[in-house]
Amino acid sequence: MFKKDTVWLGLGLGLVFPGIAFVVVEVIKKNFVFMQKDDLLYIGCVALNMLLLKYFYKKDMEATAKGVISATFVCAFIFFFYKFNK
């Protein structure tokens, strides 16, 4: 049976949602000239996890929330690594 409250589920969801948002940001950047400043857009991708985190804590799914927190740190690390090596 599928266990709903796992760290792995939170980690997966916490990486998928910002990943989808990242693809959307890249499409927006290519189509709109005024959106060339991408810092805030990328931070917004990472901030999406805060909405997931709030949802899972409301549903009392602490293990899943811990996975989302872990994914948030991974995404933030990738963002800063990308910015400093640009």
C-alpha atoms as a PDB file:
ATOM      1  CA  MET A   1       0.000   0.000   0.000  1.00  0.00           C
ATOM      2  CA  PHE A   2       1.133   3.561  -0.685  1.00  0.00           C
ATOM      3  CA  LYS A   3       2.207   5.415   2.439  1.00  0.00           C
ATOM      4  CA  LYS A   4       1.175   9.071   2.203  1.00  0.00           C
ATOM      5  CA  ASP A   5       3.413  10.639   4.843  1.00  0.00           C
ATOM      6  CA  THR A   6       7.026   9.995   3.818  1.00  0.00           C
ATOM      7  CA  VAL A   7      10.131  12.108   3.505  1.00  0.00           C
ATOM      8  CA  TRP A   8      10.694  10.754  -0.021  1.00  0.00           C
ATOM      9  CA  LEU A   9       7.278  11.969  -1.160  1.00  0.00           C
ATOM     10  CA  GLY A  10       8.042  15.431   0.197  1.00  0.00           C
ATOM     11  CA  LEU A  11      11.493  15.440  -1.399  1.00  0.00           C
ATOM     12  CA  GLY A  12      10.036  14.432  -4.753  1.00  0.00           C
ATOM     13  CA  LEU A  13       7.244  16.996  -4.667  1.00  0.00           C
ATOM     14  CA  GLY A  14       9.635  19.638  -3.375  1.00  0.00           C
ATOM     15  CA  LEU A  15      11.872  19.111  -6.411  1.00  0.00           C
ATOM     16  CA  VAL A  16       9.145  18.671  -9.035  1.00  0.00           C
ATOM     17  CA  PHE A  17       7.171  21.865  -8.386  1.00  0.00           C
ATOM     18  CA  PRO A  18      10.167  24.240  -8.526  1.00  0.00           C
ATOM     19  CA  GLY A  19      11.420  22.304 -11.563  1.00  0.00           C
ATOM     20  CA  ILE A  20       8.182  22.956 -13.424  1.00  0.00           C
ATOM     21  CA  ALA A  21       8.275  26.599 -12.322  1.00  0.00           C
ATOM     22  CA  PHE A  22      11.883  26.848 -13.581  1.00  0.00           C
ATOM     23  CA  VAL A  23      10.812  25.659 -17.041  1.00  0.00           C
ATOM     24  CA  VAL A  24       8.005  28.244 -17.052  1.00  0.00           C
ATOM     25  CA  VAL A  25      10.490  30.974 -16.048  1.00  0.00           C
ATOM     26  CA  GLU A  26      12.837  30.005 -18.875  1.00  0.00           C
ATOM     27  CA  VAL A  27       9.982  30.193 -21.396  1.00  0.00           C
ATOM     28  CA  ILE A  28       8.928  33.596 -20.043  1.00  0.00           C
ATOM     29  CA  LYS A  29      12.509  34.903 -20.213  1.00  0.00           C
ATOM     30  CA  LYS A  30      12.867  33.899 -23.850  1.00  0.00           C
ATOM     31  CA  ASN A  31       9.563  35.489 -24.904  1.00  0.00           C
ATOM     32  CA  PHE A  32       9.525  38.728 -22.907  1.00  0.00           C
ATOM     33  CA  VAL A  33      12.429  41.173 -23.018  1.00  0.00           C
ATOM     34  CA  PHE A  34      11.408  42.998 -19.821  1.00  0.00           C
ATOM     35  CA  MET A  35      11.765  39.768 -17.813  1.00  0.00           C
ATOM     36  CA  GLN A  36      15.521  39.429 -18.333  1.00  0.00           C
ATOM     37  CA  LYS A  37      16.211  39.967 -14.603  1.00  0.00           C
ATOM     38  CA  ASP A  38      15.740  36.393 -13.509  1.00  0.00           C
ATOM     39  CA  ASP A  39      16.855  36.506  -9.872  1.00  0.00           C
ATOM     40  CA  LEU A  40      13.420  37.124  -8.394  1.00  0.00           C
ATOM     41  CA  LEU A  41      11.827  34.627 -10.737  1.00  0.00           C
ATOM     42  CA  TYR A  42      14.200  31.883  -9.630  1.00  0.00           C
ATOM     43  CA  ILE A  43      13.704  32.759  -5.971  1.00  0.00           C
ATOM     44  CA  GLY A  44       9.976  32.478  -6.648  1.00  0.00           C
ATOM     45  CA  CYS A  45      10.540  28.940  -7.913  1.00  0.00           C
ATOM     46  CA  VAL A  46      12.185  28.015  -4.633  1.00  0.00           C
ATOM     47  CA  ALA A  47       9.515  29.895  -2.657  1.00  0.00           C
ATOM     48  CA  LEU A  48       6.826  27.645  -4.132  1.00  0.00           C
ATOM     49  CA  ASN A  49       8.000  25.032  -1.687  1.00  0.00           C
ATOM     50  CA  MET A  50       6.854  27.242   1.174  1.00  0.00           C
ATOM     51  CA  LEU A  51       3.285  26.838  -0.060  1.00  0.00           C
ATOM     52  CA  LEU A  52       3.744  23.064  -0.121  1.00  0.00           C
ATOM     53  CA  LEU A  53       5.291  23.183   3.330  1.00  0.00           C
ATOM     54  CA  LYS A  54       2.334  25.098   4.767  1.00  0.00           C
ATOM     55  CA  TYR A  55      -0.110  22.653   3.181  1.00  0.00           C
ATOM     56  CA  PHE A  56       1.606  19.562   4.567  1.00  0.00           C
ATOM     57  CA  TYR A  57       1.919  21.003   8.067  1.00  0.00           C
ATOM     58  CA  LYS A  58      -1.793  21.862   7.982  1.00  0.00           C
ATOM     59  CA  LYS A  59      -2.578  18.259   6.998  1.00  0.00           C
ATOM     60  CA  ASP A  60      -0.337  17.024   9.860  1.00  0.00           C
ATOM     61  CA  MET A  61       2.062  15.263   7.490  1.00  0.00           C
ATOM     62  CA  GLU A  62       5.341  16.083   9.215  1.00  0.00           C
ATOM     63  CA  ALA A  63       7.542  13.572   7.413  1.00  0.00           C
ATOM     64  CA  THR A  64       6.434  14.873   4.027  1.00  0.00           C
ATOM     65  CA  ALA A  65       7.009  18.454   5.222  1.00  0.00           C
ATOM     66  CA  LYS A  66      10.560  17.497   6.226  1.00  0.00           C
ATOM     67  CA  GLY A  67      11.141  16.207   2.700  1.00  0.00           C
ATOM     68  CA  VAL A  68       9.892  19.502   1.268  1.00  0.00           C
ATOM     69  CA  ILE A  69      12.272  21.403   3.567  1.00  0.00           C
ATOM     70  CA  SER A  70      15.156  19.240   2.349  1.00  0.00           C
ATOM     71  CA  ALA A  71      14.203  19.876  -1.270  1.00  0.00           C
ATOM     72  CA  THR A  72      14.014  23.610  -0.563  1.00  0.00           C
ATOM     73  CA  PHE A  73      17.602  23.604   0.688  1.00  0.00           C
ATOM     74  CA  VAL A  74      18.720  21.624  -2.362  1.00  0.00           C
ATOM     75  CA  CYS A  75      16.965  24.080  -4.712  1.00  0.00           C
ATOM     76  CA  ALA A  76      18.376  27.090  -2.851  1.00  0.00           C
ATOM     77  CA  PHE A  77      21.887  25.619  -3.029  1.00  0.00           C
ATOM     78  CA  ILE A  78      21.515  25.048  -6.778  1.00  0.00           C
ATOM     79  CA  PHE A  79      20.250  28.630  -7.229  1.00  0.00           C
ATOM     80  CA  PHE A  80      23.181  30.171  -5.356  1.00  0.00           C
ATOM     81  CA  PHE A  81      25.687  27.912  -7.107  1.00  0.00           C
ATOM     82  CA  TYR A  82      24.197  29.003 -10.436  1.00  0.00           C
ATOM     83  CA  LYS A  83      24.300  32.707  -9.510  1.00  0.00           C
ATOM     84  CA  PHE A  84      27.884  32.725  -8.241  1.00  0.00           C
ATOM     85  CA  ASN A  85      29.213  30.793 -11.242  1.00  0.00           C
ATOM     86  CA  LYS A  86      27.418  32.943 -13.806  1.00  0.00           C
END
